[in-house]
Amino acid sequence: MKRLLIVCAAVVLALPCIIEAADLGTVDIAWDSLGAASVIKLWGGGRSGFRCYAGAYMLNKTAGTAQGNAWPNGLIGSFCIDLPQYSSEDTLTYKVEMPSQSPEPTDFLGGYIGAAKAGYIRELWGRYFDPAWVNGGPFSTQQKNDAEAFAAAIWEIVYEDLPATPSGWDVTADGTVGQLGFRCEQADTAKANDWLHSLDGTGPKAELWAFTNYDKQDYIVEIPEPATTVMFAVGVLTLLRYRRWC
């Protein structure tokens, strides 16, 4: 029993590295419609005073490979993590990636967001994501405003430098030198900041993957529950196989 607990603990610690190195598969998706969302004015991702819908985006999946089949064909709720690029209403093949290995291309950010920012997004999602934002609607004004604030919080994490503490996040001010940074108006910025300031690492962390395409907008999505069990099983088998050869 003690040996099993040690193996399980080792898998939990090693799983991000194991999955990060794995080929997770692909999904064929197209931007379909809005979930809960409303218009925001933002500066970030190379855009200045840009007005767009911030909130949940619904993607229509029609095919997949490997872990891309964790989602059945049909609509998948997502949030944008790639402001420089536009979504596509044409069906395209996207890679399934760990959030830390997104977005693509890396030209604008100078690299992937990495594990620390991915951890902030996982906790944000675990604490505050509301499934009602992607349930087909109709959506209340409050739901639209909340989903908008959630999107702003995600963009703050993606495009700003990591602050010394979570209290340093601020969607109303660009706190990063150079082309990076993020700020927004015409949104519930107080709620976005309250959520960001609460991310102290002690909250629940959602299991997330990213859909990435080099030429189009990338998205963050939650992994369906059965797929998390598969991920753990793959991690156990991979770790045990590794131990046999060491």
Protein backbone atom coordinates (compact mmCIF):
# COMPACT_ATOMS: atom_id res chain seq x y z
CA MET A 1 0.00 0.00 0.00
CA LYS A 2 2.83 2.37 0.89
CA ARG A 3 4.51 1.62 -2.45
CA LEU A 4 1.26 2.38 -4.30
CA LEU A 5 0.91 5.71 -2.50
CA ILE A 6 4.48 6.61 -3.41
CA VAL A 7 3.88 5.73 -7.06
CA CYS A 8 0.64 7.73 -7.14
CA ALA A 9 2.34 10.74 -5.57
CA ALA A 10 5.17 10.48 -8.08
CA VAL A 11 2.67 10.39 -10.95
CA VAL A 12 0.89 13.49 -9.69
CA LEU A 13 4.20 15.36 -9.55
CA ALA A 14 5.47 14.05 -12.88
CA LEU A 15 2.21 14.13 -14.84
CA PRO A 16 2.58 17.67 -16.25
CA CYS A 17 6.04 16.83 -17.59
CA ILE A 18 4.89 13.48 -18.97
CA ILE A 19 1.92 15.02 -20.78
CA GLU A 20 3.86 18.08 -21.92
CA ALA A 21 6.25 15.77 -23.76
CA ALA A 22 3.45 13.66 -25.25
CA ASP A 23 1.63 14.07 -28.54
CA LEU A 24 -1.87 14.76 -27.26
CA GLY A 25 -3.64 14.70 -30.62
CA THR A 26 -5.76 17.07 -32.67
CA VAL A 27 -9.29 18.43 -33.04
CA ASP A 28 -11.05 19.70 -36.14
CA ILE A 29 -12.98 22.77 -34.98
CA ALA A 30 -14.59 25.96 -36.23
CA TRP A 31 -15.72 29.04 -34.30
CA ASP A 32 -19.49 28.63 -34.07
CA SER A 33 -21.08 31.23 -31.79
CA LEU A 34 -20.88 33.16 -28.55
CA GLY A 35 -21.67 31.77 -25.15
CA ALA A 36 -22.13 34.31 -22.37
CA ALA A 37 -20.20 37.37 -23.58
CA SER A 38 -20.39 41.11 -24.07
CA VAL A 39 -18.38 43.85 -25.76
CA ILE A 40 -15.17 45.05 -24.15
CA LYS A 41 -12.59 47.69 -25.10
CA LEU A 42 -9.03 46.51 -24.67
CA TRP A 43 -5.35 47.21 -25.17
CA GLY A 44 -3.24 44.08 -25.48
CA GLY A 45 -1.97 41.45 -27.86
CA GLY A 46 -0.90 44.15 -30.28
CA ARG A 47 -4.33 45.78 -30.28
CA SER A 48 -5.10 49.31 -29.09
CA GLY A 49 -8.58 50.44 -28.12
CA PHE A 50 -9.93 47.28 -29.73
CA ARG A 51 -13.61 46.50 -29.24
CA CYS A 52 -14.55 42.83 -29.29
CA TYR A 53 -16.76 40.27 -27.61
CA ALA A 54 -15.13 39.00 -24.44
CA GLY A 55 -16.48 35.86 -22.84
CA ALA A 56 -17.19 32.29 -23.79
CA TYR A 57 -16.70 31.19 -27.39
CA MET A 58 -18.44 28.07 -28.68
CA LEU A 59 -16.40 25.83 -30.98
CA ASN A 60 -17.94 23.19 -33.24
CA LYS A 61 -15.86 20.01 -33.21
CA THR A 62 -16.33 17.59 -36.10
CA ALA A 63 -13.34 15.23 -35.75
CA GLY A 64 -10.36 14.44 -33.56
CA THR A 65 -7.40 12.18 -32.97
CA ALA A 66 -5.98 10.70 -29.76
CA GLN A 67 -6.91 12.93 -26.77
CA GLY A 68 -8.78 15.20 -29.16
CA ASN A 69 -11.55 12.61 -28.92
CA ALA A 70 -11.97 13.32 -25.20
CA TRP A 71 -14.68 15.70 -26.41
CA PRO A 72 -17.59 14.30 -28.42
CA ASN A 73 -18.33 16.00 -31.72
CA GLY A 74 -20.47 19.07 -31.20
CA LEU A 75 -20.12 22.34 -29.34
CA ILE A 76 -17.27 22.94 -26.87
CA GLY A 77 -17.13 25.98 -24.58
CA SER A 78 -13.82 27.85 -24.62
CA PHE A 79 -12.03 31.11 -23.86
CA CYS A 80 -9.59 32.93 -26.13
CA ILE A 81 -5.88 33.03 -25.17
CA ASP A 82 -4.60 34.54 -28.43
CA LEU A 83 -5.53 38.18 -29.06
CA PRO A 84 -3.18 38.83 -32.02
CA GLN A 85 -5.02 36.35 -34.25
CA TYR A 86 -8.61 36.01 -35.42
CA SER A 87 -10.91 33.03 -35.00
CA SER A 88 -11.94 30.93 -37.98
CA GLU A 89 -15.46 30.00 -38.97
CA ASP A 90 -13.92 27.46 -41.36
CA THR A 91 -13.12 24.04 -39.93
CA LEU A 92 -9.39 23.73 -39.25
CA THR A 93 -7.19 21.21 -37.49
CA TYR A 94 -5.87 22.35 -34.11
CA LYS A 95 -3.30 20.67 -31.90
CA VAL A 96 -4.27 19.68 -28.37
CA GLU A 97 -1.62 21.09 -26.03
CA MET A 98 -0.97 21.69 -22.36
CA PRO A 99 -1.83 25.32 -21.51
CA SER A 100 1.81 25.91 -20.55
CA GLN A 101 2.71 25.13 -24.18
CA SER A 102 0.44 27.78 -25.68
CA PRO A 103 -0.39 30.00 -27.52
CA GLU A 104 1.12 29.60 -30.96
CA PRO A 105 2.96 31.17 -32.65
CA THR A 106 5.20 32.47 -29.87
CA ASP A 107 6.36 35.53 -31.82
CA PHE A 108 4.35 38.09 -29.87
CA LEU A 109 4.91 36.78 -26.34
CA GLY A 110 8.46 35.64 -27.04
CA GLY A 111 7.62 32.14 -25.78
CA TYR A 112 4.83 30.04 -24.35
CA ILE A 113 3.01 31.25 -21.24
CA GLY A 114 4.74 28.57 -19.14
CA ALA A 115 3.74 26.63 -16.04
CA ALA A 116 3.28 29.54 -13.60
CA LYS A 117 0.78 31.42 -15.75
CA ALA A 118 -0.95 28.17 -16.68
CA GLY A 119 -1.33 27.50 -12.96
CA TYR A 120 -2.99 30.88 -12.43
CA ILE A 121 -5.45 30.15 -15.25
CA ARG A 122 -6.21 26.68 -13.86
CA GLU A 123 -7.00 28.17 -10.45
CA LEU A 124 -9.05 31.00 -11.94
CA TRP A 125 -11.07 28.42 -13.84
CA GLY A 126 -11.36 26.10 -10.85
CA ARG A 127 -12.61 28.87 -8.57
CA TYR A 128 -14.86 30.92 -10.83
CA PHE A 129 -15.80 29.28 -14.14
CA ASP A 130 -19.57 28.87 -14.44
CA PRO A 131 -20.80 26.07 -16.76
CA ALA A 132 -23.95 28.13 -17.35
CA TRP A 133 -21.81 30.42 -19.55
CA VAL A 134 -21.59 27.66 -22.17
CA ASN A 135 -24.93 25.89 -21.79
CA GLY A 136 -26.63 27.39 -24.85
CA GLY A 137 -28.38 30.29 -23.16
CA PRO A 138 -30.28 32.51 -23.09
CA PHE A 139 -27.82 34.34 -20.88
CA SER A 140 -28.62 36.96 -18.28
CA THR A 141 -26.84 40.31 -18.20
CA GLN A 142 -25.03 39.15 -15.07
CA GLN A 143 -23.79 35.99 -16.77
CA LYS A 144 -22.54 37.98 -19.75
CA ASN A 145 -20.75 40.46 -17.48
CA ASP A 146 -19.19 37.68 -15.40
CA ALA A 147 -17.94 35.78 -18.45
CA GLU A 148 -16.54 39.03 -19.83
CA ALA A 149 -14.65 39.65 -16.57
CA PHE A 150 -13.37 36.08 -16.66
CA ALA A 151 -12.01 36.57 -20.20
CA ALA A 152 -10.33 39.82 -19.15
CA ALA A 153 -8.69 38.01 -16.23
CA ILE A 154 -7.34 35.33 -18.57
CA TRP A 155 -5.89 37.96 -20.94
CA GLU A 156 -4.32 39.77 -17.98
CA ILE A 157 -2.53 36.54 -17.03
CA VAL A 158 -1.45 35.77 -20.60
CA TYR A 159 -0.13 39.21 -21.58
CA GLU A 160 1.21 40.80 -18.41
CA ASP A 161 4.48 39.93 -16.69
CA LEU A 162 4.04 37.80 -13.59
CA PRO A 163 3.53 40.05 -10.56
CA ALA A 164 5.37 39.51 -7.29
CA THR A 165 2.06 38.58 -5.65
CA PRO A 166 -1.48 38.03 -7.01
CA SER A 167 -2.45 41.48 -5.71
CA GLY A 168 -0.28 42.89 -8.50
CA TRP A 169 -2.69 41.85 -11.23
CA ASP A 170 -4.73 44.83 -12.50
CA VAL A 171 -6.83 44.73 -15.66
CA THR A 172 -7.24 48.52 -15.58
CA ALA A 173 -3.52 49.27 -16.02
CA ASP A 174 -0.80 48.08 -18.38
CA GLY A 175 1.95 47.03 -16.02
CA THR A 176 4.44 45.60 -18.52
CA VAL A 177 7.11 47.52 -20.43
CA GLY A 178 7.13 47.24 -24.22
CA GLN A 179 4.56 45.66 -26.51
CA LEU A 180 3.30 43.25 -23.86
CA GLY A 181 0.75 44.11 -21.20
CA PHE A 182 -3.02 44.31 -21.00
CA ARG A 183 -5.74 46.65 -19.84
CA CYS A 184 -9.43 47.04 -20.59
CA GLU A 185 -12.46 49.28 -20.18
CA GLN A 186 -16.23 48.83 -20.38
CA ALA A 187 -16.09 45.66 -18.32
CA ASP A 188 -16.54 44.62 -14.69
CA THR A 189 -12.89 45.30 -13.97
CA ALA A 190 -13.45 45.24 -10.19
CA LYS A 191 -14.68 41.65 -10.38
CA ALA A 192 -11.85 40.61 -12.70
CA ASN A 193 -9.31 42.08 -10.28
CA ASP A 194 -10.99 40.55 -7.22
CA TRP A 195 -10.81 37.14 -8.87
CA LEU A 196 -7.18 37.61 -9.86
CA HIS A 197 -6.16 38.81 -6.39
CA SER A 198 -7.65 35.65 -4.83
CA LEU A 199 -5.38 33.30 -6.80
CA ASP A 200 -3.05 32.34 -3.97
CA GLY A 201 -2.51 28.74 -5.04
CA THR A 202 -4.86 27.24 -2.46
CA GLY A 203 -7.98 27.08 -4.64
CA PRO A 204 -9.20 24.22 -6.82
CA LYS A 205 -7.38 23.89 -10.14
CA ALA A 206 -9.29 22.87 -13.25
CA GLU A 207 -7.83 20.36 -15.70
CA LEU A 208 -7.38 22.35 -18.90
CA TRP A 209 -5.97 21.86 -22.37
CA ALA A 210 -5.37 24.35 -25.16
CA PHE A 211 -6.38 24.14 -28.82
CA THR A 212 -3.64 25.75 -30.91
CA ASN A 213 -3.32 26.58 -34.59
CA TYR A 214 -0.32 28.50 -35.90
CA ASP A 215 -2.41 30.76 -38.14
CA LYS A 216 -5.61 31.25 -36.13
CA GLN A 217 -6.80 32.16 -32.65
CA ASP A 218 -6.04 29.69 -29.86
CA TYR A 219 -8.41 28.65 -27.07
CA ILE A 220 -8.37 27.24 -23.54
CA VAL A 221 -10.86 24.46 -22.74
CA GLU A 222 -11.72 22.23 -19.81
CA ILE A 223 -10.96 18.52 -20.10
CA PRO A 224 -14.07 16.32 -19.79
CA GLU A 225 -14.03 14.35 -16.53
CA PRO A 226 -13.42 10.83 -17.97
CA ALA A 227 -10.35 12.14 -19.80
CA THR A 228 -8.69 13.16 -16.54
CA THR A 229 -8.84 9.53 -15.41
CA VAL A 230 -7.25 8.48 -18.69
CA MET A 231 -4.51 11.07 -18.20
CA PHE A 232 -3.73 9.66 -14.75
CA ALA A 233 -3.66 6.08 -16.05
CA VAL A 234 -1.33 7.07 -18.88
CA GLY A 235 0.90 8.80 -16.35
CA VAL A 236 1.04 5.70 -14.14
CA LEU A 237 1.90 3.39 -17.03
CA THR A 238 4.48 5.80 -18.41
CA LEU A 239 6.14 6.25 -15.01
CA LEU A 240 6.20 2.51 -14.31
CA ARG A 241 7.67 1.85 -17.74
CA TYR A 242 10.29 4.49 -17.06
CA ARG A 243 11.15 2.92 -13.69
CA ARG A 244 11.59 -0.50 -15.32
CA TRP A 245 14.26 0.88 -17.63
CA CYS A 246 16.17 2.92 -15.03
